[in-house]
mmCIF file of all heavy atoms, coordinates in Angstrom:
data_MODEL
# 
_entry.id   MODEL 
# 
loop_
_atom_site.group_PDB 
_atom_site.id 
_atom_site.type_symbol 
_atom_site.label_atom_id 
_atom_site.label_alt_id 
_atom_site.label_comp_id 
_atom_site.label_asym_id 
_atom_site.label_entity_id 
_atom_site.label_seq_id 
_atom_site.pdbx_PDB_ins_code 
_atom_site.Cartn_x 
_atom_site.Cartn_y 
_atom_site.Cartn_z 
_atom_site.occupancy 
_atom_site.B_iso_or_equiv 
_atom_site.pdbx_formal_charge 
_atom_site.auth_seq_id 
_atom_site.auth_comp_id 
_atom_site.auth_asym_id 
_atom_site.auth_atom_id 
_atom_site.pdbx_PDB_model_num 
ATOM 1   N N   . ALA A 1 1  ? 98.564  101.377 97.268  1.00 0.00 ? 1  ALA A N   1 
ATOM 2   C CA  . ALA A 1 1  ? 98.217  102.792 97.219  1.00 0.00 ? 1  ALA A CA  1 
ATOM 3   C C   . ALA A 1 1  ? 98.974  103.489 98.348  1.00 0.00 ? 1  ALA A C   1 
ATOM 4   O O   . ALA A 1 1  ? 99.553  104.605 98.106  1.00 0.00 ? 1  ALA A O   1 
ATOM 5   C CB  . ALA A 1 1  ? 96.713  102.938 97.385  1.00 0.00 ? 1  ALA A CB  1 
ATOM 6   N N   . ALA A 1 2  ? 99.046  102.922 99.495  1.00 0.00 ? 2  ALA A N   1 
ATOM 7   C CA  . ALA A 1 2  ? 99.764  103.534 100.614 1.00 0.00 ? 2  ALA A CA  1 
ATOM 8   C C   . ALA A 1 2  ? 101.272 103.616 100.338 1.00 0.00 ? 2  ALA A C   1 
ATOM 9   O O   . ALA A 1 2  ? 101.919 104.694 100.646 1.00 0.00 ? 2  ALA A O   1 
ATOM 10  C CB  . ALA A 1 2  ? 99.469  102.792 101.846 1.00 0.00 ? 2  ALA A CB  1 
ATOM 11  N N   . LYS A 1 3  ? 101.791 102.597 99.716  1.00 0.00 ? 3  LYS A N   1 
ATOM 12  C CA  . LYS A 1 3  ? 103.243 102.599 99.362  1.00 0.00 ? 3  LYS A CA  1 
ATOM 13  C C   . LYS A 1 3  ? 103.523 103.758 98.350  1.00 0.00 ? 3  LYS A C   1 
ATOM 14  O O   . LYS A 1 3  ? 104.470 104.548 98.426  1.00 0.00 ? 3  LYS A O   1 
ATOM 15  C CB  . LYS A 1 3  ? 103.661 101.288 98.800  1.00 0.00 ? 3  LYS A CB  1 
ATOM 16  C CG  . LYS A 1 3  ? 105.159 101.188 98.461  1.00 0.00 ? 3  LYS A CG  1 
ATOM 17  C CD  . LYS A 1 3  ? 105.554 99.844  97.950  1.00 0.00 ? 3  LYS A CD  1 
ATOM 18  C CE  . LYS A 1 3  ? 107.017 99.803  97.608  1.00 0.00 ? 3  LYS A CE  1 
ATOM 19  N NZ  . LYS A 1 3  ? 107.345 98.485  97.051  1.00 0.00 ? 3  LYS A NZ  1 
ATOM 20  N N   . ARG A 1 4  ? 102.619 103.814 97.276  1.00 0.00 ? 4  ARG A N   1 
ATOM 21  C CA  . ARG A 1 4  ? 102.797 104.821 96.191  1.00 0.00 ? 4  ARG A CA  1 
ATOM 22  C C   . ARG A 1 4  ? 102.685 106.180 96.802  1.00 0.00 ? 4  ARG A C   1 
ATOM 23  O O   . ARG A 1 4  ? 103.320 107.185 96.314  1.00 0.00 ? 4  ARG A O   1 
ATOM 24  C CB  . ARG A 1 4  ? 101.632 104.577 95.145  1.00 0.00 ? 4  ARG A CB  1 
ATOM 25  C CG  . ARG A 1 4  ? 101.580 105.619 94.129  1.00 0.00 ? 4  ARG A CG  1 
ATOM 26  C CD  . ARG A 1 4  ? 100.432 105.407 93.179  1.00 0.00 ? 4  ARG A CD  1 
ATOM 27  N NE  . ARG A 1 4  ? 100.942 105.654 91.942  1.00 0.00 ? 4  ARG A NE  1 
ATOM 28  C CZ  . ARG A 1 4  ? 100.760 104.816 90.850  1.00 0.00 ? 4  ARG A CZ  1 
ATOM 29  N NH1 . ARG A 1 4  ? 100.037 103.805 90.994  1.00 0.00 ? 4  ARG A NH1 1 
ATOM 30  N NH2 . ARG A 1 4  ? 101.167 105.091 89.678  1.00 0.00 ? 4  ARG A NH2 1 
ATOM 31  N N   . ASN A 1 5  ? 101.915 106.476 97.827  1.00 0.00 ? 5  ASN A N   1 
ATOM 32  C CA  . ASN A 1 5  ? 101.565 107.744 98.431  1.00 0.00 ? 5  ASN A CA  1 
ATOM 33  C C   . ASN A 1 5  ? 102.243 107.904 99.745  1.00 0.00 ? 5  ASN A C   1 
ATOM 34  O O   . ASN A 1 5  ? 101.718 108.637 100.693 1.00 0.00 ? 5  ASN A O   1 
ATOM 35  C CB  . ASN A 1 5  ? 100.113 107.961 98.484  1.00 0.00 ? 5  ASN A CB  1 
ATOM 36  C CG  . ASN A 1 5  ? 99.601  108.183 96.966  1.00 0.00 ? 5  ASN A CG  1 
ATOM 37  O OD1 . ASN A 1 5  ? 99.735  109.092 96.356  1.00 0.00 ? 5  ASN A OD1 1 
ATOM 38  N ND2 . ASN A 1 5  ? 98.927  107.028 96.555  1.00 0.00 ? 5  ASN A ND2 1 
ATOM 39  N N   . ALA A 1 6  ? 103.286 107.284 100.062 1.00 0.00 ? 6  ALA A N   1 
ATOM 40  C CA  . ALA A 1 6  ? 103.950 107.176 101.434 1.00 0.00 ? 6  ALA A CA  1 
ATOM 41  C C   . ALA A 1 6  ? 104.277 108.617 101.953 1.00 0.00 ? 6  ALA A C   1 
ATOM 42  O O   . ALA A 1 6  ? 104.064 108.905 103.099 1.00 0.00 ? 6  ALA A O   1 
ATOM 43  C CB  . ALA A 1 6  ? 105.212 106.347 101.396 1.00 0.00 ? 6  ALA A CB  1 
ATOM 44  N N   . ALA A 1 7  ? 104.687 109.548 101.058 1.00 0.00 ? 7  ALA A N   1 
ATOM 45  C CA  . ALA A 1 7  ? 105.031 110.854 101.511 1.00 0.00 ? 7  ALA A CA  1 
ATOM 46  C C   . ALA A 1 7  ? 103.772 111.543 102.111 1.00 0.00 ? 7  ALA A C   1 
ATOM 47  O O   . ALA A 1 7  ? 103.871 112.279 103.093 1.00 0.00 ? 7  ALA A O   1 
ATOM 48  C CB  . ALA A 1 7  ? 105.612 111.733 100.356 1.00 0.00 ? 7  ALA A CB  1 
ATOM 49  N N   . PHE A 1 8  ? 102.626 111.340 101.500 1.00 0.00 ? 8  PHE A N   1 
ATOM 50  C CA  . PHE A 1 8  ? 101.418 111.945 101.915 1.00 0.00 ? 8  PHE A CA  1 
ATOM 51  C C   . PHE A 1 8  ? 100.841 111.244 103.135 1.00 0.00 ? 8  PHE A C   1 
ATOM 52  O O   . PHE A 1 8  ? 100.298 111.945 104.052 1.00 0.00 ? 8  PHE A O   1 
ATOM 53  C CB  . PHE A 1 8  ? 100.282 111.976 100.763 1.00 0.00 ? 8  PHE A CB  1 
ATOM 54  C CG  . PHE A 1 8  ? 100.681 112.745 99.499  1.00 0.00 ? 8  PHE A CG  1 
ATOM 55  C CD1 . PHE A 1 8  ? 100.690 112.109 98.362  1.00 0.00 ? 8  PHE A CD1 1 
ATOM 56  C CD2 . PHE A 1 8  ? 101.028 114.001 99.655  1.00 0.00 ? 8  PHE A CD2 1 
ATOM 57  C CE1 . PHE A 1 8  ? 101.032 112.856 97.182  1.00 0.00 ? 8  PHE A CE1 1 
ATOM 58  C CE2 . PHE A 1 8  ? 101.333 114.820 98.617  1.00 0.00 ? 8  PHE A CE2 1 
ATOM 59  C CZ  . PHE A 1 8  ? 101.430 114.212 97.290  1.00 0.00 ? 8  PHE A CZ  1 
ATOM 60  N N   . VAL A 1 9  ? 101.104 110.013 103.318 1.00 0.00 ? 9  VAL A N   1 
ATOM 61  C CA  . VAL A 1 9  ? 100.818 109.269 104.582 1.00 0.00 ? 9  VAL A CA  1 
ATOM 62  C C   . VAL A 1 9  ? 101.590 109.821 105.676 1.00 0.00 ? 9  VAL A C   1 
ATOM 63  O O   . VAL A 1 9  ? 101.138 110.095 106.735 1.00 0.00 ? 9  VAL A O   1 
ATOM 64  C CB  . VAL A 1 9  ? 100.963 107.747 104.429 1.00 0.00 ? 9  VAL A CB  1 
ATOM 65  C CG1 . VAL A 1 9  ? 100.752 107.071 105.753 1.00 0.00 ? 9  VAL A CG1 1 
ATOM 66  C CG2 . VAL A 1 9  ? 99.879  107.185 103.347 1.00 0.00 ? 9  VAL A CG2 1 
ATOM 67  N N   . ASP A 1 10 ? 102.903 109.959 105.376 1.00 0.00 ? 10 ASP A N   1 
ATOM 68  C CA  . ASP A 1 10 ? 103.934 110.387 106.420 1.00 0.00 ? 10 ASP A CA  1 
ATOM 69  C C   . ASP A 1 10 ? 103.582 111.789 106.940 1.00 0.00 ? 10 ASP A C   1 
ATOM 70  O O   . ASP A 1 10 ? 103.818 112.018 108.128 1.00 0.00 ? 10 ASP A O   1 
ATOM 71  C CB  . ASP A 1 10 ? 105.344 110.328 105.906 1.00 0.00 ? 10 ASP A CB  1 
ATOM 72  C CG  . ASP A 1 10 ? 105.752 108.862 105.705 1.00 0.00 ? 10 ASP A CG  1 
ATOM 73  O OD1 . ASP A 1 10 ? 105.126 107.895 106.187 1.00 0.00 ? 10 ASP A OD1 1 
ATOM 74  O OD2 . ASP A 1 10 ? 106.873 108.719 104.990 1.00 0.00 ? 10 ASP A OD2 1 
ATOM 75  N N   . ASP A 1 11 ? 103.149 112.666 105.998 1.00 0.00 ? 11 ASP A N   1 
ATOM 76  C CA  . ASP A 1 11 ? 102.856 114.045 106.523 1.00 0.00 ? 11 ASP A CA  1 
ATOM 77  C C   . ASP A 1 11 ? 101.415 114.169 106.974 1.00 0.00 ? 11 ASP A C   1 
ATOM 78  O O   . ASP A 1 11 ? 100.997 115.351 107.379 1.00 0.00 ? 11 ASP A O   1 
ATOM 79  C CB  . ASP A 1 11 ? 103.195 115.102 105.489 1.00 0.00 ? 11 ASP A CB  1 
ATOM 80  C CG  . ASP A 1 11 ? 102.215 115.129 104.312 1.00 0.00 ? 11 ASP A CG  1 
ATOM 81  O OD1 . ASP A 1 11 ? 101.181 114.587 104.337 1.00 0.00 ? 11 ASP A OD1 1 
ATOM 82  O OD2 . ASP A 1 11 ? 102.493 115.913 103.324 1.00 0.00 ? 11 ASP A OD2 1 
ATOM 83  N N   . GLY A 1 12 ? 100.676 113.052 107.139 1.00 0.00 ? 12 GLY A N   1 
ATOM 84  C CA  . GLY A 1 12 ? 99.362  113.134 107.712 1.00 0.00 ? 12 GLY A CA  1 
ATOM 85  C C   . GLY A 1 12 ? 98.264  113.578 106.772 1.00 0.00 ? 12 GLY A C   1 
ATOM 86  O O   . GLY A 1 12 ? 97.090  113.746 107.219 1.00 0.00 ? 12 GLY A O   1 
ATOM 87  N N   . ARG A 1 13 ? 98.543  113.732 105.510 1.00 0.00 ? 13 ARG A N   1 
ATOM 88  C CA  . ARG A 1 13 ? 97.569  114.228 104.555 1.00 0.00 ? 13 ARG A CA  1 
ATOM 89  C C   . ARG A 1 13 ? 96.720  113.040 104.068 1.00 0.00 ? 13 ARG A C   1 
ATOM 90  O O   . ARG A 1 13 ? 95.524  113.336 103.657 1.00 0.00 ? 13 ARG A O   1 
ATOM 91  C CB  . ARG A 1 13 ? 98.248  114.916 103.378 1.00 0.00 ? 13 ARG A CB  1 
ATOM 92  C CG  . ARG A 1 13 ? 97.603  116.086 102.835 1.00 0.00 ? 13 ARG A CG  1 
ATOM 93  C CD  . ARG A 1 13 ? 98.308  116.804 101.772 1.00 0.00 ? 13 ARG A CD  1 
ATOM 94  N NE  . ARG A 1 13 ? 99.807  116.914 102.036 1.00 0.00 ? 13 ARG A NE  1 
ATOM 95  C CZ  . ARG A 1 13 ? 100.660 117.477 101.230 1.00 0.00 ? 13 ARG A CZ  1 
ATOM 96  N NH1 . ARG A 1 13 ? 100.197 117.953 100.121 1.00 0.00 ? 13 ARG A NH1 1 
ATOM 97  N NH2 . ARG A 1 13 ? 101.883 117.543 101.545 1.00 0.00 ? 13 ARG A NH2 1 
ATOM 98  N N   . ALA A 1 14 ? 97.172  111.882 104.097 1.00 0.00 ? 14 ALA A N   1 
ATOM 99  C CA  . ALA A 1 14 ? 96.468  110.746 103.467 1.00 0.00 ? 14 ALA A CA  1 
ATOM 100 C C   . ALA A 1 14 ? 96.418  109.544 104.500 1.00 0.00 ? 14 ALA A C   1 
ATOM 101 O O   . ALA A 1 14 ? 97.287  109.259 105.316 1.00 0.00 ? 14 ALA A O   1 
ATOM 102 C CB  . ALA A 1 14 ? 97.187  110.200 102.225 1.00 0.00 ? 14 ALA A CB  1 
ATOM 103 N N   . LEU A 1 15 ? 95.203  108.921 104.406 1.00 0.00 ? 15 LEU A N   1 
ATOM 104 C CA  . LEU A 1 15 ? 94.987  107.696 105.272 1.00 0.00 ? 15 LEU A CA  1 
ATOM 105 C C   . LEU A 1 15 ? 94.354  106.680 104.412 1.00 0.00 ? 15 LEU A C   1 
ATOM 106 O O   . LEU A 1 15 ? 93.330  106.952 103.584 1.00 0.00 ? 15 LEU A O   1 
ATOM 107 C CB  . LEU A 1 15 ? 93.945  108.015 106.368 1.00 0.00 ? 15 LEU A CB  1 
ATOM 108 C CG  . LEU A 1 15 ? 93.537  106.878 107.260 1.00 0.00 ? 15 LEU A CG  1 
ATOM 109 C CD1 . LEU A 1 15 ? 94.738  106.222 108.042 1.00 0.00 ? 15 LEU A CD1 1 
ATOM 110 C CD2 . LEU A 1 15 ? 92.486  107.400 108.194 1.00 0.00 ? 15 LEU A CD2 1 
ATOM 111 N N   . PHE A 1 16 ? 94.828  105.363 104.367 1.00 0.00 ? 16 PHE A N   1 
ATOM 112 C CA  . PHE A 1 16 ? 94.303  104.367 103.543 1.00 0.00 ? 16 PHE A CA  1 
ATOM 113 C C   . PHE A 1 16 ? 93.735  103.315 104.551 1.00 0.00 ? 16 PHE A C   1 
ATOM 114 O O   . PHE A 1 16 ? 94.444  102.792 105.416 1.00 0.00 ? 16 PHE A O   1 
ATOM 115 C CB  . PHE A 1 16 ? 95.385  103.736 102.661 1.00 0.00 ? 16 PHE A CB  1 
ATOM 116 C CG  . PHE A 1 16 ? 95.918  104.761 101.621 1.00 0.00 ? 16 PHE A CG  1 
ATOM 117 C CD1 . PHE A 1 16 ? 96.917  105.669 101.916 1.00 0.00 ? 16 PHE A CD1 1 
ATOM 118 C CD2 . PHE A 1 16 ? 95.345  104.800 100.340 1.00 0.00 ? 16 PHE A CD2 1 
ATOM 119 C CE1 . PHE A 1 16 ? 97.349  106.602 100.984 1.00 0.00 ? 16 PHE A CE1 1 
ATOM 120 C CE2 . PHE A 1 16 ? 95.691  105.647 99.397  1.00 0.00 ? 16 PHE A CE2 1 
ATOM 121 C CZ  . PHE A 1 16 ? 96.723  106.573 99.713  1.00 0.00 ? 16 PHE A CZ  1 
ATOM 122 N N   . VAL A 1 17 ? 92.395  102.945 104.194 1.00 0.00 ? 17 VAL A N   1 
ATOM 123 C CA  . VAL A 1 17 ? 91.710  102.106 105.145 1.00 0.00 ? 17 VAL A CA  1 
ATOM 124 C C   . VAL A 1 17 ? 91.173  100.852 104.301 1.00 0.00 ? 17 VAL A C   1 
ATOM 125 O O   . VAL A 1 17 ? 90.548  101.002 103.285 1.00 0.00 ? 17 VAL A O   1 
ATOM 126 C CB  . VAL A 1 17 ? 90.421  102.845 105.645 1.00 0.00 ? 17 VAL A CB  1 
ATOM 127 C CG1 . VAL A 1 17 ? 89.626  101.869 106.531 1.00 0.00 ? 17 VAL A CG1 1 
ATOM 128 C CG2 . VAL A 1 17 ? 90.876  104.088 106.515 1.00 0.00 ? 17 VAL A CG2 1 
ATOM 129 N N   . HIS A 1 18 ? 91.513  99.686  104.892 1.00 0.00 ? 18 HIS A N   1 
ATOM 130 C CA  . HIS A 1 18 ? 91.076  98.445  104.225 1.00 0.00 ? 18 HIS A CA  1 
ATOM 131 C C   . HIS A 1 18 ? 89.749  98.123  104.718 1.00 0.00 ? 18 HIS A C   1 
ATOM 132 O O   . HIS A 1 18 ? 89.499  97.716  105.760 1.00 0.00 ? 18 HIS A O   1 
ATOM 133 C CB  . HIS A 1 18 ? 92.091  97.356  104.556 1.00 0.00 ? 18 HIS A CB  1 
ATOM 134 C CG  . HIS A 1 18 ? 91.597  96.010  104.156 1.00 0.00 ? 18 HIS A CG  1 
ATOM 135 N ND1 . HIS A 1 18 ? 91.768  94.837  104.862 1.00 0.00 ? 18 HIS A ND1 1 
ATOM 136 C CD2 . HIS A 1 18 ? 91.037  95.659  102.983 1.00 0.00 ? 18 HIS A CD2 1 
ATOM 137 C CE1 . HIS A 1 18 ? 91.260  93.812  104.169 1.00 0.00 ? 18 HIS A CE1 1 
ATOM 138 N NE2 . HIS A 1 18 ? 90.825  94.286  102.984 1.00 0.00 ? 18 HIS A NE2 1 
ATOM 139 N N   . ALA A 1 19 ? 88.615  98.471  103.873 1.00 0.00 ? 19 ALA A N   1 
ATOM 140 C CA  . ALA A 1 19 ? 87.311  98.210  104.183 1.00 0.00 ? 19 ALA A CA  1 
ATOM 141 C C   . ALA A 1 19 ? 86.514  98.394  102.956 1.00 0.00 ? 19 ALA A C   1 
ATOM 142 O O   . ALA A 1 19 ? 86.771  99.313  102.030 1.00 0.00 ? 19 ALA A O   1 
ATOM 143 C CB  . ALA A 1 19 ? 86.900  99.182  105.229 1.00 0.00 ? 19 ALA A CB  1 
ATOM 144 N N   . GLY A 1 20 ? 85.415  97.591  102.828 1.00 0.00 ? 20 GLY A N   1 
ATOM 145 C CA  . GLY A 1 20 ? 84.460  97.838  101.804 1.00 0.00 ? 20 GLY A CA  1 
ATOM 146 C C   . GLY A 1 20 ? 83.567  99.030  102.048 1.00 0.00 ? 20 GLY A C   1 
ATOM 147 O O   . GLY A 1 20 ? 83.408  99.419  103.313 1.00 0.00 ? 20 GLY A O   1 
ATOM 148 N N   . MET A 1 21 ? 82.994  99.560  101.089 1.00 0.00 ? 21 MET A N   1 
ATOM 149 C CA  . MET A 1 21 ? 82.072  100.708 101.344 1.00 0.00 ? 21 MET A CA  1 
ATOM 150 C C   . MET A 1 21 ? 80.990  100.473 102.325 1.00 0.00 ? 21 MET A C   1 
ATOM 151 O O   . MET A 1 21 ? 80.595  101.262 103.127 1.00 0.00 ? 21 MET A O   1 
ATOM 152 C CB  . MET A 1 21 ? 81.470  101.134 99.958  1.00 0.00 ? 21 MET A CB  1 
ATOM 153 C CG  . MET A 1 21 ? 80.590  102.316 99.982  1.00 0.00 ? 21 MET A CG  1 
ATOM 154 S SD  . MET A 1 21 ? 80.152  102.619 98.276  1.00 0.00 ? 21 MET A SD  1 
ATOM 155 C CE  . MET A 1 21 ? 78.961  103.840 98.400  1.00 0.00 ? 21 MET A CE  1 
ATOM 156 N N   . GLU A 1 22 ? 80.388  99.280  102.212 1.00 0.00 ? 22 GLU A N   1 
ATOM 157 C CA  . GLU A 1 22 ? 79.200  98.960  103.048 1.00 0.00 ? 22 GLU A CA  1 
ATOM 158 C C   . GLU A 1 22 ? 79.547  98.808  104.514 1.00 0.00 ? 22 GLU A C   1 
ATOM 159 O O   . GLU A 1 22 ? 78.824  99.101  105.321 1.00 0.00 ? 22 GLU A O   1 
ATOM 160 C CB  . GLU A 1 22 ? 78.544  97.632  102.598 1.00 0.00 ? 22 GLU A CB  1 
ATOM 161 C CG  . GLU A 1 22 ? 77.972  97.705  101.117 1.00 0.00 ? 22 GLU A CG  1 
ATOM 162 C CD  . GLU A 1 22 ? 79.031  97.202  100.041 1.00 0.00 ? 22 GLU A CD  1 
ATOM 163 O OE1 . GLU A 1 22 ? 80.202  97.223  100.408 1.00 0.00 ? 22 GLU A OE1 1 
ATOM 164 O OE2 . GLU A 1 22 ? 78.634  96.889  98.928  1.00 0.00 ? 22 GLU A OE2 1 
ATOM 165 N N   . ALA A 1 23 ? 80.761  98.294  104.763 1.00 0.00 ? 23 ALA A N   1 
ATOM 166 C CA  . ALA A 1 23 ? 81.199  97.997  106.133 1.00 0.00 ? 23 ALA A CA  1 
ATOM 167 C C   . ALA A 1 23 ? 82.045  99.035  106.778 1.00 0.00 ? 23 ALA A C   1 
ATOM 168 O O   . ALA A 1 23 ? 82.302  98.982  107.913 1.00 0.00 ? 23 ALA A O   1 
ATOM 169 C CB  . ALA A 1 23 ? 81.889  96.659  106.190 1.00 0.00 ? 23 ALA A CB  1 
ATOM 170 N N   . ALA A 1 24 ? 82.431  100.000 105.998 1.00 0.00 ? 24 ALA A N   1 
ATOM 171 C CA  . ALA A 1 24 ? 83.498  101.002 106.486 1.00 0.00 ? 24 ALA A CA  1 
ATOM 172 C C   . ALA A 1 24 ? 82.902  101.734 107.679 1.00 0.00 ? 24 ALA A C   1 
ATOM 173 O O   . ALA A 1 24 ? 81.762  102.350 107.612 1.00 0.00 ? 24 ALA A O   1 
ATOM 174 C CB  . ALA A 1 24 ? 83.942  101.972 105.365 1.00 0.00 ? 24 ALA A CB  1 
ATOM 175 N N   . GLU A 1 25 ? 83.628  102.022 108.697 1.00 0.00 ? 25 GLU A N   1 
ATOM 176 C CA  . GLU A 1 25 ? 83.311  102.759 109.918 1.00 0.00 ? 25 GLU A CA  1 
ATOM 177 C C   . GLU A 1 25 ? 84.270  103.988 109.953 1.00 0.00 ? 25 GLU A C   1 
ATOM 178 O O   . GLU A 1 25 ? 85.426  103.798 110.213 1.00 0.00 ? 25 GLU A O   1 
ATOM 179 C CB  . GLU A 1 25 ? 83.296  102.034 111.131 1.00 0.00 ? 25 GLU A CB  1 
ATOM 180 C CG  . GLU A 1 25 ? 82.133  101.138 111.379 1.00 0.00 ? 25 GLU A CG  1 
ATOM 181 C CD  . GLU A 1 25 ? 80.758  101.886 111.405 1.00 0.00 ? 25 GLU A CD  1 
ATOM 182 O OE1 . GLU A 1 25 ? 80.785  103.013 111.960 1.00 0.00 ? 25 GLU A OE1 1 
ATOM 183 O OE2 . GLU A 1 25 ? 79.774  101.262 110.980 1.00 0.00 ? 25 GLU A OE2 1 
ATOM 184 N N   . LEU A 1 26 ? 83.721  105.158 109.700 1.00 0.00 ? 26 LEU A N   1 
ATOM 185 C CA  . LEU A 1 26 ? 84.655  106.308 109.707 1.00 0.00 ? 26 LEU A CA  1 
ATOM 186 C C   . LEU A 1 26 ? 84.296  107.276 110.788 1.00 0.00 ? 26 LEU A C   1 
ATOM 187 O O   . LEU A 1 26 ? 84.661  108.479 110.831 1.00 0.00 ? 26 LEU A O   1 
ATOM 188 C CB  . LEU A 1 26 ? 84.590  107.015 108.390 1.00 0.00 ? 26 LEU A CB  1 
ATOM 189 C CG  . LEU A 1 26 ? 85.120  106.207 107.132 1.00 0.00 ? 26 LEU A CG  1 
ATOM 190 C CD1 . LEU A 1 26 ? 84.793  106.929 105.832 1.00 0.00 ? 26 LEU A CD1 1 
ATOM 191 C CD2 . LEU A 1 26 ? 86.527  105.757 107.297 1.00 0.00 ? 26 LEU A CD2 1 
ATOM 192 N N   . GLY A 1 27 ? 83.588  106.777 111.838 1.00 0.00 ? 27 GLY A N   1 
ATOM 193 C CA  . GLY A 1 27 ? 83.213  107.596 112.919 1.00 0.00 ? 27 GLY A CA  1 
ATOM 194 C C   . GLY A 1 27 ? 82.441  108.829 112.514 1.00 0.00 ? 27 GLY A C   1 
ATOM 195 O O   . GLY A 1 27 ? 81.544  108.774 111.647 1.00 0.00 ? 27 GLY A O   1 
ATOM 196 N N   . ARG A 1 28 ? 82.856  109.976 113.068 1.00 0.00 ? 28 ARG A N   1 
ATOM 197 C CA  . ARG A 1 28 ? 82.145  111.231 112.782 1.00 0.00 ? 28 ARG A CA  1 
ATOM 198 C C   . ARG A 1 28 ? 82.784  112.043 111.554 1.00 0.00 ? 28 ARG A C   1 
ATOM 199 O O   . ARG A 1 28 ? 82.400  113.038 111.295 1.00 0.00 ? 28 ARG A O   1 
ATOM 200 C CB  . ARG A 1 28 ? 82.264  112.105 113.947 1.00 0.00 ? 28 ARG A CB  1 
ATOM 201 C CG  . ARG A 1 28 ? 81.404  111.605 115.123 1.00 0.00 ? 28 ARG A CG  1 
ATOM 202 C CD  . ARG A 1 28 ? 81.493  112.553 116.262 1.00 0.00 ? 28 ARG A CD  1 
ATOM 203 N NE  . ARG A 1 28 ? 80.560  112.047 117.374 1.00 0.00 ? 28 ARG A NE  1 
ATOM 204 C CZ  . ARG A 1 28 ? 79.985  112.881 118.229 1.00 0.00 ? 28 ARG A CZ  1 
ATOM 205 N NH1 . ARG A 1 28 ? 80.215  114.171 118.188 1.00 0.00 ? 28 ARG A NH1 1 
ATOM 206 N NH2 . ARG A 1 28 ? 79.273  112.295 119.194 1.00 0.00 ? 28 ARG A NH2 1 
# 
């Protein structure tokens, strides 16, 4: 997914996080 959307990652619009829903920590 990150490779497919590299342009959006590069411009700061997208972030891809390896985590399951139950364990994900997204802070505030």
